[in-house]
PDB file of N, CA and C in Angstrom:
ATOM      1  N   MET A   1      -0.209   5.334   3.166  1.00  0.00           N
ATOM      2  CA  MET A   1      -0.869   5.568   1.758  1.00  0.00           C
ATOM      3  C   MET A   1       0.072   5.161   0.705  1.00  0.00           C
ATOM      4  N   THR A   2      -0.498   4.564  -0.382  1.00  0.00           N
ATOM      5  CA  THR A   2       0.424   4.048  -1.330  1.00  0.00           C
ATOM      6  C   THR A   2       0.524   5.252  -2.287  1.00  0.00           C
ATOM      7  N   THR A   3       1.695   5.528  -2.979  1.00  0.00           N
ATOM      8  CA  THR A   3       1.986   6.446  -3.906  1.00  0.00           C
ATOM      9  C   THR A   3       2.216   6.040  -5.031  1.00  0.00           C
ATOM     10  N   GLY A   4       1.988   6.683  -6.402  1.00  0.00           N
ATOM     11  CA  GLY A   4       2.308   6.030  -7.474  1.00  0.00           C
ATOM     12  C   GLY A   4       1.407   5.034  -8.020  1.00  0.00           C
ATOM     13  N   ARG A   5       1.576   4.583  -9.214  1.00  0.00           N
ATOM     14  CA  ARG A   5       0.815   3.455  -9.809  1.00  0.00           C
ATOM     15  C   ARG A   5       1.214   2.198  -9.158  1.00  0.00           C
ATOM     16  N   PRO A   6       0.186   1.320  -8.809  1.00  0.00           N
ATOM     17  CA  PRO A   6       0.566   0.001  -8.200  1.00  0.00           C
ATOM     18  C   PRO A   6       0.803  -0.830  -9.432  1.00  0.00           C
ATOM     19  N   LYS A   7       1.348  -2.235  -9.190  1.00  0.00           N
ATOM     20  CA  LYS A   7       1.417  -3.121 -10.011  1.00  0.00           C
ATOM     21  C   LYS A   7      -0.062  -3.387 -10.687  1.00  0.00           C
ATOM     22  N   ARG A   8      -0.022  -3.577 -12.184  1.00  0.00           N
ATOM     23  CA  ARG A   8      -1.149  -4.054 -12.685  1.00  0.00           C
ATOM     24  C   ARG A   8      -1.822  -5.099 -12.166  1.00  0.00           C
ATOM     25  N   LEU A   9      -3.115  -5.166 -11.971  1.00  0.00           N
ATOM     26  CA  LEU A   9      -3.859  -6.328 -11.328  1.00  0.00           C
ATOM     27  C   LEU A   9      -4.834  -6.787 -12.435  1.00  0.00           C
ATOM     28  N   SER A  10      -5.284  -8.169 -12.404  1.00  0.00           N
ATOM     29  CA  SER A  10      -6.260  -8.649 -13.266  1.00  0.00           C
ATOM     30  C   SER A  10      -7.410  -8.078 -12.811  1.00  0.00           C
ATOM     31  N   THR A  11      -8.393  -8.057 -13.661  1.00  0.00           N
ATOM     32  CA  THR A  11      -9.900  -7.691 -13.380  1.00  0.00           C
ATOM     33  C   THR A  11     -10.627  -8.326 -12.254  1.00  0.00           C
ATOM     34  N   THR A  12     -10.201  -9.602 -12.176  1.00  0.00           N
ATOM     35  CA  THR A  12     -10.885 -10.552 -11.291  1.00  0.00           C
ATOM     36  C   THR A  12     -10.366 -10.366  -9.759  1.00  0.00           C
ATOM     37  N   LYS A  13      -9.119  -9.998  -9.605  1.00  0.00           N
ATOM     38  CA  LYS A  13      -8.396  -9.764  -8.661  1.00  0.00           C
ATOM     39  C   LYS A  13      -8.614  -8.256  -7.965  1.00  0.00           C
ATOM     40  N   ALA A  14      -8.738  -7.250  -8.942  1.00  0.00           N
ATOM     41  CA  ALA A  14      -9.151  -5.955  -8.568  1.00  0.00           C
ATOM     42  C   ALA A  14     -10.569  -6.023  -7.955  1.00  0.00           C
ATOM     43  N   ARG A  15     -11.588  -6.821  -8.604  1.00  0.00           N
ATOM     44  CA  ARG A  15     -12.722  -6.697  -8.083  1.00  0.00           C
ATOM     45  C   ARG A  15     -13.009  -7.363  -6.662  1.00  0.00           C
ATOM     46  N   SER A  16     -12.129  -8.305  -6.686  1.00  0.00           N
ATOM     47  CA  SER A  16     -12.167  -9.153  -5.107  1.00  0.00           C
ATOM     48  C   SER A  16     -11.762  -8.276  -4.301  1.00  0.00           C
ATOM     49  N   ILE A  17     -10.614  -7.343  -4.571  1.00  0.00           N
ATOM     50  CA  ILE A  17     -10.183  -6.352  -3.447  1.00  0.00           C
ATOM     51  C   ILE A  17     -11.101  -5.334  -3.313  1.00  0.00           C
ATOM     52  N   ALA A  18     -11.833  -4.883  -4.379  1.00  0.00           N
ATOM     53  CA  ALA A  18     -12.981  -3.893  -4.170  1.00  0.00           C
ATOM     54  C   ALA A  18     -14.179  -4.350  -3.353  1.00  0.00           C
ATOM     55  N   ASP A  19     -14.379  -5.597  -3.677  1.00  0.00           N
ATOM     56  CA  ASP A  19     -15.474  -6.157  -3.047  1.00  0.00           C
ATOM     57  C   ASP A  19     -15.418  -6.305  -1.444  1.00  0.00           C
ATOM     58  N   ALA A  20     -14.307  -6.559  -1.103  1.00  0.00           N
ATOM     59  CA  ALA A  20     -13.871  -6.733   0.284  1.00  0.00           C
ATOM     60  C   ALA A  20     -13.531  -5.358   0.994  1.00  0.00           C
ATOM     61  N   ALA A  21     -13.467  -4.283   0.236  1.00  0.00           N
ATOM     62  CA  ALA A  21     -13.016  -3.019   0.819  1.00  0.00           C
ATOM     63  C   ALA A  21     -14.244  -2.502   1.745  1.00  0.00           C
ATOM     64  N   GLN A  22     -13.844  -1.713   2.829  1.00  0.00           N
ATOM     65  CA  GLN A  22     -14.673  -1.074   3.550  1.00  0.00           C
ATOM     66  C   GLN A  22     -14.802   0.447   3.500  1.00  0.00           C
ATOM     67  N   LEU A  23     -15.782   1.120   3.844  1.00  0.00           N
ATOM     68  CA  LEU A  23     -16.039   2.442   3.852  1.00  0.00           C
ATOM     69  C   LEU A  23     -15.848   2.988   5.477  1.00  0.00           C
ATOM     70  N   VAL A  24     -14.815   3.434   5.940  1.00  0.00           N
ATOM     71  CA  VAL A  24     -14.655   3.810   7.340  1.00  0.00           C
ATOM     72  C   VAL A  24     -14.259   5.245   7.729  1.00  0.00           C
ATOM     73  N   LYS A  25     -14.638   5.630   8.763  1.00  0.00           N
ATOM     74  CA  LYS A  25     -14.104   7.062   9.182  1.00  0.00           C
ATOM     75  C   LYS A  25     -12.783   7.324   9.045  1.00  0.00           C
ATOM     76  N   ALA A  26     -12.254   8.434   8.502  1.00  0.00           N
ATOM     77  CA  ALA A  26     -10.817   8.634   8.477  1.00  0.00           C
ATOM     78  C   ALA A  26     -10.522   8.930   9.940  1.00  0.00           C
ATOM     79  N   GLY A  27      -9.103   9.044   9.744  1.00  0.00           N
ATOM     80  CA  GLY A  27      -8.530   9.457  11.274  1.00  0.00           C
ATOM     81  C   GLY A  27      -8.904  10.677  11.563  1.00  0.00           C
ATOM     82  N   ASP A  28      -8.877  11.593  10.643  1.00  0.00           N
ATOM     83  CA  ASP A  28      -9.180  13.121  11.187  1.00  0.00           C
ATOM     84  C   ASP A  28     -10.780  13.530  10.783  1.00  0.00           C
ATOM     85  N   TRP A  29     -11.448  12.426  11.046  1.00  0.00           N
ATOM     86  CA  TRP A  29     -12.986  12.391  10.552  1.00  0.00           C
ATOM     87  C   TRP A  29     -13.601  13.698  11.439  1.00  0.00           C
ATOM     88  N   SER A  30     -13.231  13.883  12.579  1.00  0.00           N
ATOM     89  CA  SER A  30     -13.842  14.857  13.746  1.00  0.00           C
ATOM     90  C   SER A  30     -13.570  16.221  13.111  1.00  0.00           C
ATOM     91  N   THR A  31     -12.619  16.418  12.502  1.00  0.00           N
ATOM     92  CA  THR A  31     -12.418  17.887  11.838  1.00  0.00           C
ATOM     93  C   THR A  31     -12.651  17.841  10.165  1.00  0.00           C
ATOM     94  N   SER A  32     -12.446  16.731   9.569  1.00  0.00           N
ATOM     95  CA  SER A  32     -12.652  16.920   8.101  1.00  0.00           C
ATOM     96  C   SER A  32     -13.929  16.207   7.588  1.00  0.00           C
ATOM     97  N   HIS A  33     -14.468  15.237   8.288  1.00  0.00           N
ATOM     98  CA  HIS A  33     -15.707  14.508   7.971  1.00  0.00           C
ATOM     99  C   HIS A  33     -15.477  13.747   6.724  1.00  0.00           C
ATOM    100  N   THR A  34     -14.142  13.361   6.339  1.00  0.00           N
ATOM    101  CA  THR A  34     -13.744  12.680   5.399  1.00  0.00           C
ATOM    102  C   THR A  34     -13.876  10.916   5.779  1.00  0.00           C
ATOM    103  N   TRP A  35     -14.193  10.265   4.895  1.00  0.00           N
ATOM    104  CA  TRP A  35     -14.116   8.863   4.964  1.00  0.00           C
ATOM    105  C   TRP A  35     -13.191   8.184   4.002  1.00  0.00           C
ATOM    106  N   ASP A  36     -12.619   6.988   4.301  1.00  0.00           N
ATOM    107  CA  ASP A  36     -11.882   6.296   3.593  1.00  0.00           C
ATOM    108  C   ASP A  36     -12.424   4.819   3.120  1.00  0.00           C
ATOM    109  N   VAL A  37     -12.055   4.499   1.998  1.00  0.00           N
ATOM    110  CA  VAL A  37     -12.298   3.212   1.581  1.00  0.00           C
ATOM    111  C   VAL A  37     -10.973   2.351   1.614  1.00  0.00           C
ATOM    112  N   VAL A  38     -11.011   1.264   2.558  1.00  0.00           N
ATOM    113  CA  VAL A  38      -9.894   0.585   2.912  1.00  0.00           C
ATOM    114  C   VAL A  38      -9.934  -0.882   2.462  1.00  0.00           C
ATOM    115  N   ALA A  39      -8.906  -1.363   1.689  1.00  0.00           N
ATOM    116  CA  ALA A  39      -8.885  -2.882   1.411  1.00  0.00           C
ATOM    117  C   ALA A  39      -8.652  -3.552   2.612  1.00  0.00           C
ATOM    118  N   GLU A  40      -8.753  -4.917   2.574  1.00  0.00           N
ATOM    119  CA  GLU A  40      -8.612  -5.762   3.724  1.00  0.00           C
ATOM    120  C   GLU A  40      -7.365  -5.629   4.372  1.00  0.00           C
ATOM    121  N   ASP A  41      -6.221  -5.319   3.522  1.00  0.00           N
ATOM    122  CA  ASP A  41      -4.761  -5.542   4.135  1.00  0.00           C
ATOM    123  C   ASP A  41      -4.495  -3.957   4.517  1.00  0.00           C
ATOM    124  N   GLY A  42      -5.404  -3.001   4.540  1.00  0.00           N
ATOM    125  CA  GLY A  42      -5.269  -1.815   5.339  1.00  0.00           C
ATOM    126  C   GLY A  42      -4.782  -0.708   4.228  1.00  0.00           C
ATOM    127  N   THR A  43      -4.824  -1.006   2.740  1.00  0.00           N
ATOM    128  CA  THR A  43      -4.520  -0.182   1.885  1.00  0.00           C
ATOM    129  C   THR A  43      -5.411   0.922   1.813  1.00  0.00           C
ATOM    130  N   LEU A  44      -5.176   2.025   1.603  1.00  0.00           N
ATOM    131  CA  LEU A  44      -6.188   3.083   1.276  1.00  0.00           C
ATOM    132  C   LEU A  44      -6.362   3.105  -0.184  1.00  0.00           C
ATOM    133  N   LEU A  45      -7.741   2.992  -0.608  1.00  0.00           N
ATOM    134  CA  LEU A  45      -7.796   2.959  -2.132  1.00  0.00           C
ATOM    135  C   LEU A  45      -8.521   4.382  -2.516  1.00  0.00           C
ATOM    136  N   VAL A  46      -9.586   4.857  -1.873  1.00  0.00           N
ATOM    137  CA  VAL A  46     -10.386   5.976  -2.290  1.00  0.00           C
ATOM    138  C   VAL A  46     -10.629   6.686  -0.907  1.00  0.00           C
ATOM    139  N   VAL A  47     -10.661   8.069  -1.274  1.00  0.00           N
ATOM    140  CA  VAL A  47     -11.090   8.891  -0.037  1.00  0.00           C
ATOM    141  C   VAL A  47     -12.337   9.804  -0.456  1.00  0.00           C
ATOM    142  N   VAL A  48     -13.255   9.659   0.319  1.00  0.00           N
ATOM    143  CA  VAL A  48     -14.554  10.287   0.082  1.00  0.00           C
ATOM    144  C   VAL A  48     -14.603  11.666   1.036  1.00  0.00           C
ATOM    145  N   THR A  49     -15.167  12.733   0.506  1.00  0.00           N
ATOM    146  CA  THR A  49     -14.969  13.992   1.282  1.00  0.00           C
ATOM    147  C   THR A  49     -16.481  14.644   0.868  1.00  0.00           C
ATOM    148  N   PRO A  50     -16.792  15.382   1.909  1.00  0.00           N
ATOM    149  CA  PRO A  50     -18.042  16.239   1.796  1.00  0.00           C
ATOM    150  C   PRO A  50     -17.776  17.298   0.747  1.00  0.00           C
ATOM    151  N   SER A  51     -18.887  17.572  -0.209  1.00  0.00           N
ATOM    152  CA  SER A  51     -18.960  18.792  -0.958  1.00  0.00           C
ATOM    153  C   SER A  51     -19.785  19.791  -0.211  1.00  0.00           C
ATOM    154  N   TYR A  52     -19.352  21.021  -0.609  1.00  0.00           N
ATOM    155  CA  TYR A  52     -19.983  22.232   0.105  1.00  0.00           C
ATOM    156  C   TYR A  52     -20.202  23.105  -1.067  1.00  0.00           C
ATOM    157  N   GLY A  53     -21.442  23.848  -0.757  1.00  0.00           N
ATOM    158  CA  GLY A  53     -21.713  24.992  -1.705  1.00  0.00           C
ATOM    159  C   GLY A  53     -23.180  24.844  -1.809  1.00  0.00           C
ATOM    160  N   GLY A  54     -23.963  23.939  -0.993  1.00  0.00           N
ATOM    161  CA  GLY A  54     -25.310  23.879  -1.320  1.00  0.00           C
ATOM    162  C   GLY A  54     -26.011  24.696  -0.376  1.00  0.00           C
ATOM    163  N   SER A  55     -27.360  24.817  -0.428  1.00  0.00           N
ATOM    164  CA  SER A  55     -28.391  25.717   0.364  1.00  0.00           C
ATOM    165  C   SER A  55     -28.626  25.003   1.508  1.00  0.00           C
ATOM    166  N   SER A  56     -28.291  23.914   1.950  1.00  0.00           N
ATOM    167  CA  SER A  56     -28.656  23.325   3.275  1.00  0.00           C
ATOM    168  C   SER A  56     -28.319  24.110   4.401  1.00  0.00           C
ATOM    169  N   ARG A  57     -28.555  23.666   5.651  1.00  0.00           N
ATOM    170  CA  ARG A  57     -28.002  24.597   6.690  1.00  0.00           C
ATOM    171  C   ARG A  57     -26.595  24.178   6.913  1.00  0.00           C
ATOM    172  N   SER A  58     -26.150  23.035   6.546  1.00  0.00           N
ATOM    173  CA  SER A  58     -24.708  22.735   6.694  1.00  0.00           C
ATOM    174  C   SER A  58     -23.979  23.202   5.434  1.00  0.00           C
ATOM    175  N   GLY A  59     -24.431  23.523   4.535  1.00  0.00           N
ATOM    176  CA  GLY A  59     -23.979  23.865   3.254  1.00  0.00           C
ATOM    177  C   GLY A  59     -23.421  22.764   2.285  1.00  0.00           C
ATOM    178  N   ARG A  60     -23.557  21.741   2.962  1.00  0.00           N
ATOM    179  CA  ARG A  60     -23.209  20.348   2.232  1.00  0.00           C
ATOM    180  C   ARG A  60     -24.350  20.079   1.168  1.00  0.00           C
ATOM    181  N   ASP A  61     -23.570  19.767  -0.149  1.00  0.00           N
ATOM    182  CA  ASP A  61     -24.710  19.297  -1.238  1.00  0.00           C
ATOM    183  C   ASP A  61     -24.162  18.088  -1.936  1.00  0.00           C
ATOM    184  N   GLY A  62     -23.410  17.102  -1.290  1.00  0.00           N
ATOM    185  CA  GLY A  62     -23.200  15.804  -1.826  1.00  0.00           C
ATOM    186  C   GLY A  62     -21.816  15.508  -1.136  1.00  0.00           C
ATOM    187  N   TRP A  63     -21.281  14.302  -1.959  1.00  0.00           N
ATOM    188  CA  TRP A  63     -20.074  13.939  -1.777  1.00  0.00           C
ATOM    189  C   TRP A  63     -19.053  13.662  -2.889  1.00  0.00           C
ATOM    190  N   LYS A  64     -17.817  13.809  -2.697  1.00  0.00           N
ATOM    191  CA  LYS A  64     -16.985  13.670  -3.816  1.00  0.00           C
ATOM    192  C   LYS A  64     -15.902  12.531  -3.332  1.00  0.00           C
ATOM    193  N   TRP A  65     -15.342  12.025  -4.428  1.00  0.00           N
ATOM    194  CA  TRP A  65     -14.356  11.077  -4.244  1.00  0.00           C
ATOM    195  C   TRP A  65     -13.043  11.284  -5.037  1.00  0.00           C
ATOM    196  N   HIS A  66     -11.951  10.712  -4.680  1.00  0.00           N
ATOM    197  CA  HIS A  66     -10.735  10.885  -5.357  1.00  0.00           C
ATOM    198  C   HIS A  66      -9.852   9.500  -4.950  1.00  0.00           C
ATOM    199  N   LEU A  67      -9.057   9.112  -5.878  1.00  0.00           N
ATOM    200  CA  LEU A  67      -8.236   7.840  -5.744  1.00  0.00           C
ATOM    201  C   LEU A  67      -6.987   8.370  -4.780  1.00  0.00           C
ATOM    202  N   ALA A  68      -6.781   7.505  -3.685  1.00  0.00           N
ATOM    203  CA  ALA A  68      -6.043   8.081  -2.768  1.00  0.00           C
ATOM    204  C   ALA A  68      -4.549   8.153  -3.305  1.00  0.00           C
ATOM    205  N   ALA A  69      -4.130   7.330  -4.126  1.00  0.00           N
ATOM    206  CA  ALA A  69      -2.837   7.364  -4.709  1.00  0.00           C
ATOM    207  C   ALA A  69      -2.551   8.660  -5.491  1.00  0.00           C
ATOM    208  N   LEU A  70      -3.581   9.151  -5.982  1.00  0.00           N
ATOM    209  CA  LEU A  70      -3.458  10.355  -7.099  1.00  0.00           C
ATOM    210  C   LEU A  70      -3.795  11.605  -6.357  1.00  0.00           C
ATOM    211  N   GLY A  71      -4.519  11.673  -5.236  1.00  0.00           N
ATOM    212  CA  GLY A  71      -5.081  13.007  -4.679  1.00  0.00           C
ATOM    213  C   GLY A  71      -6.284  13.662  -5.321  1.00  0.00           C
ATOM    214  N   PRO A  72      -6.589  14.687  -4.909  1.00  0.00           N
ATOM    215  CA  PRO A  72      -7.964  15.308  -5.336  1.00  0.00           C
ATOM    216  C   PRO A  72      -7.614  15.636  -6.757  1.00  0.00           C
ATOM    217  N   THR A  73      -8.788  15.574  -7.440  1.00  0.00           N
ATOM    218  CA  THR A  73      -8.645  15.866  -8.958  1.00  0.00           C
ATOM    219  C   THR A  73      -9.407  17.294  -9.313  1.00  0.00           C
ATOM    220  N   GLY A  74     -10.265  17.651  -8.310  1.00  0.00           N
ATOM    221  CA  GLY A  74     -10.985  19.007  -8.750  1.00  0.00           C
ATOM    222  C   GLY A  74     -12.117  18.773  -9.578  1.00  0.00           C
ATOM    223  N   THR A  75     -12.614  17.334  -9.652  1.00  0.00           N
ATOM    224  CA  THR A  75     -13.844  17.225 -10.441  1.00  0.00           C
ATOM    225  C   THR A  75     -15.069  17.927  -9.885  1.00  0.00           C
ATOM    226  N   ARG A  76     -16.001  18.213 -10.583  1.00  0.00           N
ATOM    227  CA  ARG A  76     -17.290  18.862 -10.166  1.00  0.00           C
ATOM    228  C   ARG A  76     -18.503  17.893  -9.938  1.00  0.00           C
ATOM    229  N   GLU A  77     -17.990  16.862 -10.140  1.00  0.00           N
ATOM    230  CA  GLU A  77     -19.055  15.461  -9.972  1.00  0.00           C
ATOM    231  C   GLU A  77     -19.253  15.243  -8.653  1.00  0.00           C
ATOM    232  N   LYS A  78     -20.746  15.191  -8.118  1.00  0.00           N
ATOM    233  CA  LYS A  78     -21.126  15.010  -6.727  1.00  0.00           C
ATOM    234  C   LYS A  78     -21.955  13.740  -6.736  1.00  0.00           C
ATOM    235  N   TRP A  79     -21.945  13.276  -5.673  1.00  0.00           N
ATOM    236  CA  TRP A  79     -22.973  11.966  -5.360  1.00  0.00           C
ATOM    237  C   TRP A  79     -23.664  12.207  -4.105  1.00  0.00           C
ATOM    238  N   PRO A  80     -25.069  12.086  -3.956  1.00  0.00           N
ATOM    239  CA  PRO A  80     -25.867  12.228  -2.966  1.00  0.00           C
ATOM    240  C   PRO A  80     -25.521  11.499  -1.715  1.00  0.00           C
ATOM    241  N   THR A  81     -24.878  10.293  -1.759  1.00  0.00           N
ATOM    242  CA  THR A  81     -24.494   9.817  -0.559  1.00  0.00           C
ATOM    243  C   THR A  81     -22.907   9.459  -0.493  1.00  0.00           C
ATOM    244  N   ARG A  82     -22.500   9.182   0.717  1.00  0.00           N
ATOM    245  CA  ARG A  82     -20.989   8.758   0.674  1.00  0.00           C
ATOM    246  C   ARG A  82     -20.834   7.349   0.073  1.00  0.00           C
ATOM    247  N   GLN A  83     -21.958   6.687   0.363  1.00  0.00           N
ATOM    248  CA  GLN A  83     -21.699   5.124  -0.025  1.00  0.00           C
ATOM    249  C   GLN A  83     -21.736   5.173  -1.688  1.00  0.00           C
ATOM    250  N   GLN A  84     -22.457   6.016  -2.369  1.00  0.00           N
ATOM    251  CA  GLN A  84     -22.391   6.171  -3.842  1.00  0.00           C
ATOM    252  C   GLN A  84     -21.123   6.659  -4.219  1.00  0.00           C
ATOM    253  N   ALA A  85     -20.674   7.565  -3.571  1.00  0.00           N
ATOM    254  CA  ALA A  85     -19.448   8.183  -4.022  1.00  0.00           C
ATOM    255  C   ALA A  85     -18.347   7.083  -3.756  1.00  0.00           C
ATOM    256  N   ALA A  86     -18.247   6.278  -2.869  1.00  0.00           N
ATOM    257  CA  ALA A  86     -17.314   5.357  -2.543  1.00  0.00           C
ATOM    258  C   ALA A  86     -17.482   4.155  -3.739  1.00  0.00           C
ATOM    259  N   ALA A  87     -18.591   3.861  -4.103  1.00  0.00           N
ATOM    260  CA  ALA A  87     -18.917   2.750  -5.235  1.00  0.00           C
ATOM    261  C   ALA A  87     -18.377   3.617  -6.358  1.00  0.00           C
ATOM    262  N   GLN A  88     -18.574   4.778  -6.567  1.00  0.00           N
ATOM    263  CA  GLN A  88     -18.061   5.207  -7.966  1.00  0.00           C
ATOM    264  C   GLN A  88     -16.331   5.188  -7.897  1.00  0.00           C
ATOM    265  N   GLY A  89     -15.935   5.690  -6.722  1.00  0.00           N
ATOM    266  CA  GLY A  89     -14.479   5.761  -6.620  1.00  0.00           C
ATOM    267  C   GLY A  89     -13.925   4.347  -6.766  1.00  0.00           C
ATOM    268  N   LEU A  90     -14.559   3.199  -6.260  1.00  0.00           N
ATOM    269  CA  LEU A  90     -13.920   1.943  -6.427  1.00  0.00           C
ATOM    270  C   LEU A  90     -14.023   1.347  -7.892  1.00  0.00           C
ATOM    271  N   MET A  91     -15.240   1.894  -8.742  1.00  0.00           N
ATOM    272  CA  MET A  91     -15.195   1.459  -9.899  1.00  0.00           C
ATOM    273  C   MET A  91     -14.010   2.207 -10.819  1.00  0.00           C
ATOM    274  N   SER A  92     -13.728   3.332 -10.393  1.00  0.00           N
ATOM    275  CA  SER A  92     -12.588   4.020 -11.100  1.00  0.00           C
ATOM    276  C   SER A  92     -11.323   3.469 -10.630  1.00  0.00           C
ATOM    277  N   TRP A  93     -11.176   3.063  -9.472  1.00  0.00           N
ATOM    278  CA  TRP A  93      -9.920   2.423  -8.918  1.00  0.00           C
ATOM    279  C   TRP A  93      -9.587   1.206  -9.782  1.00  0.00           C
ATOM    280  N   ILE A  94     -10.912   0.253  -9.915  1.00  0.00           N
ATOM    281  CA  ILE A  94     -10.689  -1.013 -10.692  1.00  0.00           C
ATOM    282  C   ILE A  94     -10.064  -0.588 -12.131  1.00  0.00           C
ATOM    283  N   ARG A  95     -10.739   0.362 -12.860  1.00  0.00           N
ATOM    284  CA  ARG A  95     -10.279   0.735 -14.063  1.00  0.00           C
ATOM    285  C   ARG A  95      -8.761   1.288 -13.947  1.00  0.00           C
ATOM    286  N   TRP A  96      -8.425   2.226 -12.990  1.00  0.00           N
ATOM    287  CA  TRP A  96      -6.918   2.650 -13.123  1.00  0.00           C
ATOM    288  C   TRP A  96      -6.074   1.239 -12.895  1.00  0.00           C
ATOM    289  N   VAL A  97      -6.321   0.229 -11.677  1.00  0.00           N
ATOM    290  CA  VAL A  97      -5.186  -0.796 -11.610  1.00  0.00           C
ATOM    291  C   VAL A  97      -5.315  -1.942 -12.690  1.00  0.00           C
ATOM    292  N   THR A  98      -6.289  -1.836 -13.292  1.00  0.00           N
ATOM    293  CA  THR A  98      -6.298  -3.047 -14.565  1.00  0.00           C
ATOM    294  C   THR A  98      -5.910  -2.680 -15.796  1.00  0.00           C
ATOM    295  N   ALA A  99      -5.638  -1.072 -16.004  1.00  0.00           N
ATOM    296  CA  ALA A  99      -5.395  -0.479 -17.262  1.00  0.00           C
ATOM    297  C   ALA A  99      -4.059  -0.824 -17.802  1.00  0.00           C
ATOM    298  N   THR A 100      -3.971  -1.226 -19.181  1.00  0.00           N
ATOM    299  CA  THR A 100      -2.628  -1.366 -19.662  1.00  0.00           C
ATOM    300  C   THR A 100      -1.791  -0.261 -19.774  1.00  0.00           C
ATOM    301  N   ARG A 101      -0.516  -0.539 -19.491  1.00  0.00           N
ATOM    302  CA  ARG A 101       0.419   0.692 -19.370  1.00  0.00           C
ATOM    303  C   ARG A 101       1.237   0.950 -20.628  1.00  0.00           C
TER     304      ARG A 101
END
């Protein structure tokens, strides 16, 4: 896992990395049900976790995401599918790595 802020990327480069990234089960998926968004080179970009607190049988009420380099943020924002959460996380990752410092 990458820690800290990476080198600033151009928008074109960041989008190409995000476009090639894949949503895969995390190594501890069997216990955590967490999914990872991983770049082609194996860099962990975004972590997607189930959100609990709903009234369904499992208690799940959506999916949350956080940037892998920054850790969980405590946001209340939830997405109905893990794919939507991953897409939102990737859009935020692009903004983060292209931001001027």
